Amino acid sequence: MHFRPLHDRVLVRRIEAEEKTAGGIIIPDTAKEKPMEGEVVAVGPGARDDAGRLVELAVRAGDRILFGKWSGTEVRIDGEDLLIMKESDILGIIETTAELKKAA
């Protein structure tokens, strides 16, 4: 099945957090928090401004993002747990050092 979000909505796959702390302590499943980092799977075409013009989204499929702890609506598509959220729920895009050097 192919899913295409509408308007300014984004489909996100959570990126699982590490199971160990930096000191080597293993975190049990019951103590883990849901990760607030994810990968954009699909994006909608954008929202309309007051004049009716389409305003494209700043995120693209494949971007690694940070989002609020309680952001989005959890859905299951093809047996995979994903989130659908508005672009405004996204706090920022995580860029690697290679991407930063390329942009400079």
N, C-alpha and C. Protein backbone atom coordinates (compact mmCIF):
# COMPACT_ATOMS: atom_id res chain seq x y z
N MET A 1 0.85 -1.17 0.00
CA MET A 1 0.00 0.00 0.00
C MET A 1 0.90 1.24 0.00
N HIS A 2 0.49 2.25 -0.73
CA HIS A 2 1.21 3.52 -0.77
C HIS A 2 0.36 4.56 -0.05
N PHE A 3 0.99 5.32 0.84
CA PHE A 3 0.28 6.35 1.59
C PHE A 3 0.85 7.71 1.23
N ARG A 4 0.00 8.66 0.89
CA ARG A 4 0.43 10.02 0.57
C ARG A 4 -0.30 10.97 1.51
N PRO A 5 0.44 11.66 2.41
CA PRO A 5 -0.20 12.61 3.33
C PRO A 5 -0.81 13.79 2.57
N LEU A 6 -1.84 14.37 3.16
CA LEU A 6 -2.49 15.54 2.57
C LEU A 6 -1.97 16.82 3.20
N HIS A 7 -2.06 17.90 2.45
CA HIS A 7 -1.74 19.26 2.89
C HIS A 7 -0.35 19.33 3.52
N ASP A 8 -0.24 19.83 4.76
CA ASP A 8 1.08 20.03 5.38
C ASP A 8 1.39 18.91 6.38
N ARG A 9 0.89 17.71 6.12
CA ARG A 9 1.15 16.59 7.01
C ARG A 9 2.36 15.78 6.54
N VAL A 10 3.00 15.11 7.50
CA VAL A 10 4.24 14.38 7.24
C VAL A 10 4.10 12.99 7.87
N LEU A 11 4.55 11.96 7.15
CA LEU A 11 4.57 10.59 7.67
C LEU A 11 5.99 10.31 8.17
N VAL A 12 6.11 9.88 9.44
CA VAL A 12 7.42 9.74 10.09
C VAL A 12 7.58 8.34 10.68
N ARG A 13 8.78 7.77 10.51
CA ARG A 13 9.15 6.51 11.15
C ARG A 13 10.06 6.85 12.32
N ARG A 14 9.69 6.41 13.53
CA ARG A 14 10.53 6.65 14.70
C ARG A 14 11.87 5.95 14.54
N ILE A 15 12.94 6.60 15.00
CA ILE A 15 14.26 5.98 15.05
C ILE A 15 14.47 5.56 16.49
N GLU A 16 14.65 4.27 16.69
CA GLU A 16 14.76 3.72 18.04
C GLU A 16 16.01 4.22 18.75
N ALA A 17 15.87 4.52 20.03
CA ALA A 17 16.97 5.00 20.85
C ALA A 17 17.88 3.84 21.22
N GLU A 18 19.08 4.17 21.64
CA GLU A 18 20.04 3.17 22.09
C GLU A 18 19.51 2.42 23.30
N GLU A 19 19.86 1.16 23.41
CA GLU A 19 19.43 0.36 24.55
C GLU A 19 20.41 0.42 25.71
N LYS A 20 21.56 1.09 25.50
CA LYS A 20 22.56 1.26 26.56
C LYS A 20 22.86 2.73 26.74
N THR A 21 23.22 3.10 27.96
CA THR A 21 23.67 4.47 28.20
C THR A 21 25.14 4.56 27.81
N ALA A 22 25.68 5.77 27.83
CA ALA A 22 27.09 5.96 27.50
C ALA A 22 28.00 5.20 28.46
N GLY A 23 27.55 5.01 29.69
CA GLY A 23 28.33 4.28 30.69
C GLY A 23 28.19 2.77 30.60
N GLY A 24 27.36 2.27 29.66
CA GLY A 24 27.21 0.84 29.46
C GLY A 24 26.04 0.21 30.20
N ILE A 25 25.22 1.01 30.86
CA ILE A 25 24.06 0.48 31.59
C ILE A 25 22.96 0.17 30.59
N ILE A 26 22.41 -1.03 30.65
CA ILE A 26 21.34 -1.44 29.75
C ILE A 26 20.01 -0.94 30.30
N ILE A 27 19.23 -0.28 29.44
CA ILE A 27 17.94 0.29 29.84
C ILE A 27 16.85 -0.73 29.54
N PRO A 28 16.06 -1.16 30.55
CA PRO A 28 14.97 -2.11 30.29
C PRO A 28 13.85 -1.44 29.50
N ASP A 29 13.07 -2.27 28.78
CA ASP A 29 11.98 -1.75 27.95
C ASP A 29 10.98 -0.92 28.74
N THR A 30 10.73 -1.28 29.98
CA THR A 30 9.74 -0.56 30.78
C THR A 30 10.19 0.84 31.16
N ALA A 31 11.49 1.10 31.14
CA ALA A 31 12.02 2.41 31.52
C ALA A 31 12.30 3.30 30.31
N LYS A 32 12.18 2.76 29.11
CA LYS A 32 12.49 3.53 27.91
C LYS A 32 11.38 4.52 27.61
N GLU A 33 11.79 5.68 27.13
CA GLU A 33 10.82 6.66 26.63
C GLU A 33 10.73 6.50 25.13
N LYS A 34 9.62 6.92 24.56
CA LYS A 34 9.49 6.86 23.11
C LYS A 34 10.49 7.84 22.50
N PRO A 35 11.15 7.43 21.43
CA PRO A 35 12.13 8.34 20.81
C PRO A 35 11.45 9.56 20.21
N MET A 36 12.17 10.68 20.24
CA MET A 36 11.65 11.92 19.67
C MET A 36 12.40 12.27 18.38
N GLU A 37 13.02 11.26 17.81
CA GLU A 37 13.77 11.42 16.58
C GLU A 37 13.17 10.48 15.55
N GLY A 38 13.12 10.92 14.30
CA GLY A 38 12.52 10.08 13.28
C GLY A 38 13.03 10.39 11.89
N GLU A 39 12.60 9.56 10.96
CA GLU A 39 12.94 9.74 9.55
C GLU A 39 11.65 10.01 8.79
N VAL A 40 11.67 11.03 7.95
CA VAL A 40 10.49 11.39 7.15
C VAL A 40 10.33 10.34 6.05
N VAL A 41 9.15 9.72 5.99
CA VAL A 41 8.86 8.71 4.99
C VAL A 41 8.17 9.34 3.78
N ALA A 42 7.21 10.22 4.03
CA ALA A 42 6.47 10.88 2.95
C ALA A 42 5.96 12.23 3.43
N VAL A 43 5.79 13.16 2.50
CA VAL A 43 5.28 14.49 2.83
C VAL A 43 4.13 14.85 1.91
N GLY A 44 3.23 15.69 2.41
CA GLY A 44 2.13 16.19 1.60
C GLY A 44 2.62 17.29 0.67
N PRO A 45 1.76 17.77 -0.20
CA PRO A 45 2.15 18.80 -1.16
C PRO A 45 2.38 20.17 -0.53
N GLY A 46 1.81 20.43 0.63
CA GLY A 46 1.98 21.72 1.29
C GLY A 46 0.65 22.34 1.65
N ALA A 47 0.73 23.44 2.38
CA ALA A 47 -0.47 24.15 2.82
C ALA A 47 -0.73 25.32 1.88
N ARG A 48 -1.92 25.85 1.94
CA ARG A 48 -2.28 27.03 1.14
C ARG A 48 -2.20 28.27 2.01
N ASP A 49 -1.65 29.36 1.45
CA ASP A 49 -1.61 30.62 2.20
C ASP A 49 -2.93 31.37 2.00
N ASP A 50 -3.02 32.58 2.54
CA ASP A 50 -4.27 33.36 2.47
C ASP A 50 -4.68 33.69 1.04
N ALA A 51 -3.69 33.78 0.15
CA ALA A 51 -3.99 34.10 -1.24
C ALA A 51 -4.32 32.85 -2.07
N GLY A 52 -4.22 31.67 -1.44
CA GLY A 52 -4.54 30.43 -2.14
C GLY A 52 -3.34 29.77 -2.81
N ARG A 53 -2.15 30.37 -2.65
CA ARG A 53 -0.94 29.78 -3.25
C ARG A 53 -0.44 28.63 -2.41
N LEU A 54 0.10 27.61 -3.06
CA LEU A 54 0.64 26.44 -2.37
C LEU A 54 2.01 26.78 -1.78
N VAL A 55 2.18 26.55 -0.48
CA VAL A 55 3.46 26.77 0.20
C VAL A 55 4.06 25.40 0.48
N GLU A 56 5.19 25.08 -0.18
CA GLU A 56 5.82 23.77 -0.03
C GLU A 56 6.39 23.60 1.37
N LEU A 57 6.53 22.34 1.79
CA LEU A 57 7.09 22.03 3.09
C LEU A 57 8.61 22.14 3.07
N ALA A 58 9.18 22.40 4.25
CA ALA A 58 10.64 22.52 4.37
C ALA A 58 11.31 21.17 4.52
N VAL A 59 10.56 20.12 4.86
CA VAL A 59 11.14 18.79 5.03
C VAL A 59 10.87 17.95 3.79
N ARG A 60 11.74 16.98 3.55
CA ARG A 60 11.63 16.08 2.41
C ARG A 60 11.71 14.64 2.91
N ALA A 61 11.26 13.71 2.11
CA ALA A 61 11.38 12.29 2.45
C ALA A 61 12.86 11.96 2.62
N GLY A 62 13.19 11.24 3.68
CA GLY A 62 14.57 10.88 3.96
C GLY A 62 15.24 11.77 5.00
N ASP A 63 14.66 12.95 5.29
CA ASP A 63 15.22 13.84 6.31
C ASP A 63 15.11 13.20 7.68
N ARG A 64 16.12 13.44 8.51
CA ARG A 64 16.11 12.99 9.91
C ARG A 64 15.67 14.19 10.74
N ILE A 65 14.64 14.01 11.58
CA ILE A 65 14.03 15.15 12.27
C ILE A 65 13.90 14.90 13.77
N LEU A 66 13.68 15.99 14.50
CA LEU A 66 13.31 15.95 15.91
C LEU A 66 11.89 16.48 16.02
N PHE A 67 11.09 15.86 16.89
CA PHE A 67 9.71 16.31 17.07
C PHE A 67 9.36 16.24 18.55
N GLY A 68 8.28 16.90 18.92
CA GLY A 68 7.84 16.94 20.30
C GLY A 68 7.43 15.56 20.81
N LYS A 69 7.55 15.38 22.12
CA LYS A 69 7.28 14.09 22.75
C LYS A 69 5.87 13.58 22.45
N TRP A 70 4.89 14.44 22.46
CA TRP A 70 3.49 14.02 22.27
C TRP A 70 2.97 14.38 20.89
N SER A 71 3.84 14.62 19.93
CA SER A 71 3.43 15.03 18.59
C SER A 71 2.90 13.87 17.77
N GLY A 72 2.01 14.18 16.88
CA GLY A 72 1.55 13.23 15.88
C GLY A 72 0.50 12.24 16.35
N THR A 73 0.00 11.52 15.38
CA THR A 73 -0.99 10.47 15.59
C THR A 73 -0.37 9.15 15.14
N GLU A 74 -0.38 8.16 16.03
CA GLU A 74 0.20 6.87 15.69
C GLU A 74 -0.74 6.10 14.78
N VAL A 75 -0.17 5.53 13.70
CA VAL A 75 -0.93 4.72 12.74
C VAL A 75 -0.11 3.47 12.41
N ARG A 76 -0.79 2.46 11.92
CA ARG A 76 -0.11 1.24 11.48
C ARG A 76 -0.41 1.10 9.98
N ILE A 77 0.66 1.13 9.17
CA ILE A 77 0.54 0.99 7.73
C ILE A 77 1.43 -0.16 7.29
N ASP A 78 0.86 -1.14 6.63
CA ASP A 78 1.58 -2.35 6.20
C ASP A 78 2.33 -3.01 7.35
N GLY A 79 1.72 -3.04 8.53
CA GLY A 79 2.32 -3.69 9.68
C GLY A 79 3.42 -2.91 10.37
N GLU A 80 3.65 -1.67 9.97
CA GLU A 80 4.70 -0.83 10.55
C GLU A 80 4.06 0.32 11.31
N ASP A 81 4.54 0.57 12.54
CA ASP A 81 4.03 1.69 13.33
C ASP A 81 4.70 2.98 12.87
N LEU A 82 3.89 3.95 12.45
CA LEU A 82 4.37 5.23 11.96
C LEU A 82 3.61 6.35 12.65
N LEU A 83 4.04 7.58 12.43
CA LEU A 83 3.37 8.77 12.96
C LEU A 83 2.97 9.67 11.81
N ILE A 84 1.80 10.29 11.93
CA ILE A 84 1.39 11.34 11.01
C ILE A 84 1.32 12.61 11.83
N MET A 85 2.03 13.65 11.39
CA MET A 85 2.03 14.92 12.12
C MET A 85 2.05 16.08 11.15
N LYS A 86 1.67 17.24 11.65
CA LYS A 86 1.76 18.47 10.86
C LYS A 86 3.21 18.94 10.86
N GLU A 87 3.59 19.65 9.82
CA GLU A 87 4.95 20.16 9.74
C GLU A 87 5.28 21.05 10.94
N SER A 88 4.31 21.75 11.46
CA SER A 88 4.54 22.66 12.59
C SER A 88 4.92 21.90 13.87
N ASP A 89 4.64 20.57 13.95
CA ASP A 89 5.03 19.76 15.10
C ASP A 89 6.51 19.38 15.06
N ILE A 90 7.15 19.57 13.91
CA ILE A 90 8.56 19.22 13.75
C ILE A 90 9.42 20.36 14.31
N LEU A 91 10.35 20.00 15.20
CA LEU A 91 11.20 21.00 15.84
C LEU A 91 12.40 21.38 14.99
N GLY A 92 12.91 20.44 14.20
CA GLY A 92 14.06 20.75 13.36
C GLY A 92 14.54 19.54 12.59
N ILE A 93 15.44 19.79 11.64
CA ILE A 93 16.05 18.75 10.81
C ILE A 93 17.46 18.51 11.33
N ILE A 94 17.82 17.25 11.52
CA ILE A 94 19.17 16.90 11.97
C ILE A 94 20.04 16.73 10.74
N GLU A 95 21.12 17.51 10.68
CA GLU A 95 22.04 17.42 9.54
C GLU A 95 23.35 16.84 10.01
N THR A 96 23.93 15.95 9.21
CA THR A 96 25.22 15.36 9.54
C THR A 96 26.32 16.34 9.16
N THR A 97 27.52 16.10 9.63
CA THR A 97 28.64 17.00 9.31
C THR A 97 28.93 16.99 7.81
N ALA A 98 28.72 15.86 7.12
CA ALA A 98 28.93 15.81 5.68
C ALA A 98 27.94 16.72 4.95
N GLU A 99 26.68 16.75 5.41
CA GLU A 99 25.68 17.63 4.81
C GLU A 99 26.02 19.09 5.06
N LEU A 100 26.53 19.40 6.25
CA LEU A 100 26.90 20.77 6.58
C LEU A 100 28.06 21.25 5.71
N LYS A 101 29.05 20.38 5.47
CA LYS A 101 30.19 20.76 4.63
C LYS A 101 29.74 20.97 3.18
N LYS A 102 28.80 20.14 2.70
CA LYS A 102 28.32 20.25 1.34
C LYS A 102 27.56 21.58 1.15
N ALA A 103 26.80 22.00 2.16
CA ALA A 103 26.02 23.22 2.09
C ALA A 103 26.89 24.48 2.13
N ALA A 104 28.07 24.38 2.73
CA ALA A 104 28.95 25.55 2.89
C ALA A 104 29.72 25.88 1.66
